[in-house]
């Protein structure tokens, strides 16, 4: 699947056309030749959110299970990483 990058100006000129193609693949939007945003189909967005929630839950379960076994250095590092990310 080819990555699609369009300028803000191009997106403004053909917004309706690009919105109709989002179910096929996301569209990266560039401003001053730097990608600044990604447009994606709303179903894809919710799918990504669901996957992240599932992964977060799995990681929490893993950490809780490992803690119940007295834990080790890996658990401590994972816990520290999660606390850091949740604080962002």
Foldseek 3Di string as FASTA:
>chain_A
DDAAEDEPVVCVVPVVVVVVCQAVDKYFYDDPNHTDDIDHDVVVVVVVVVVVVVVVVVLVVVLVVCVVVVHDPVSVVSVVVVVVVVVD
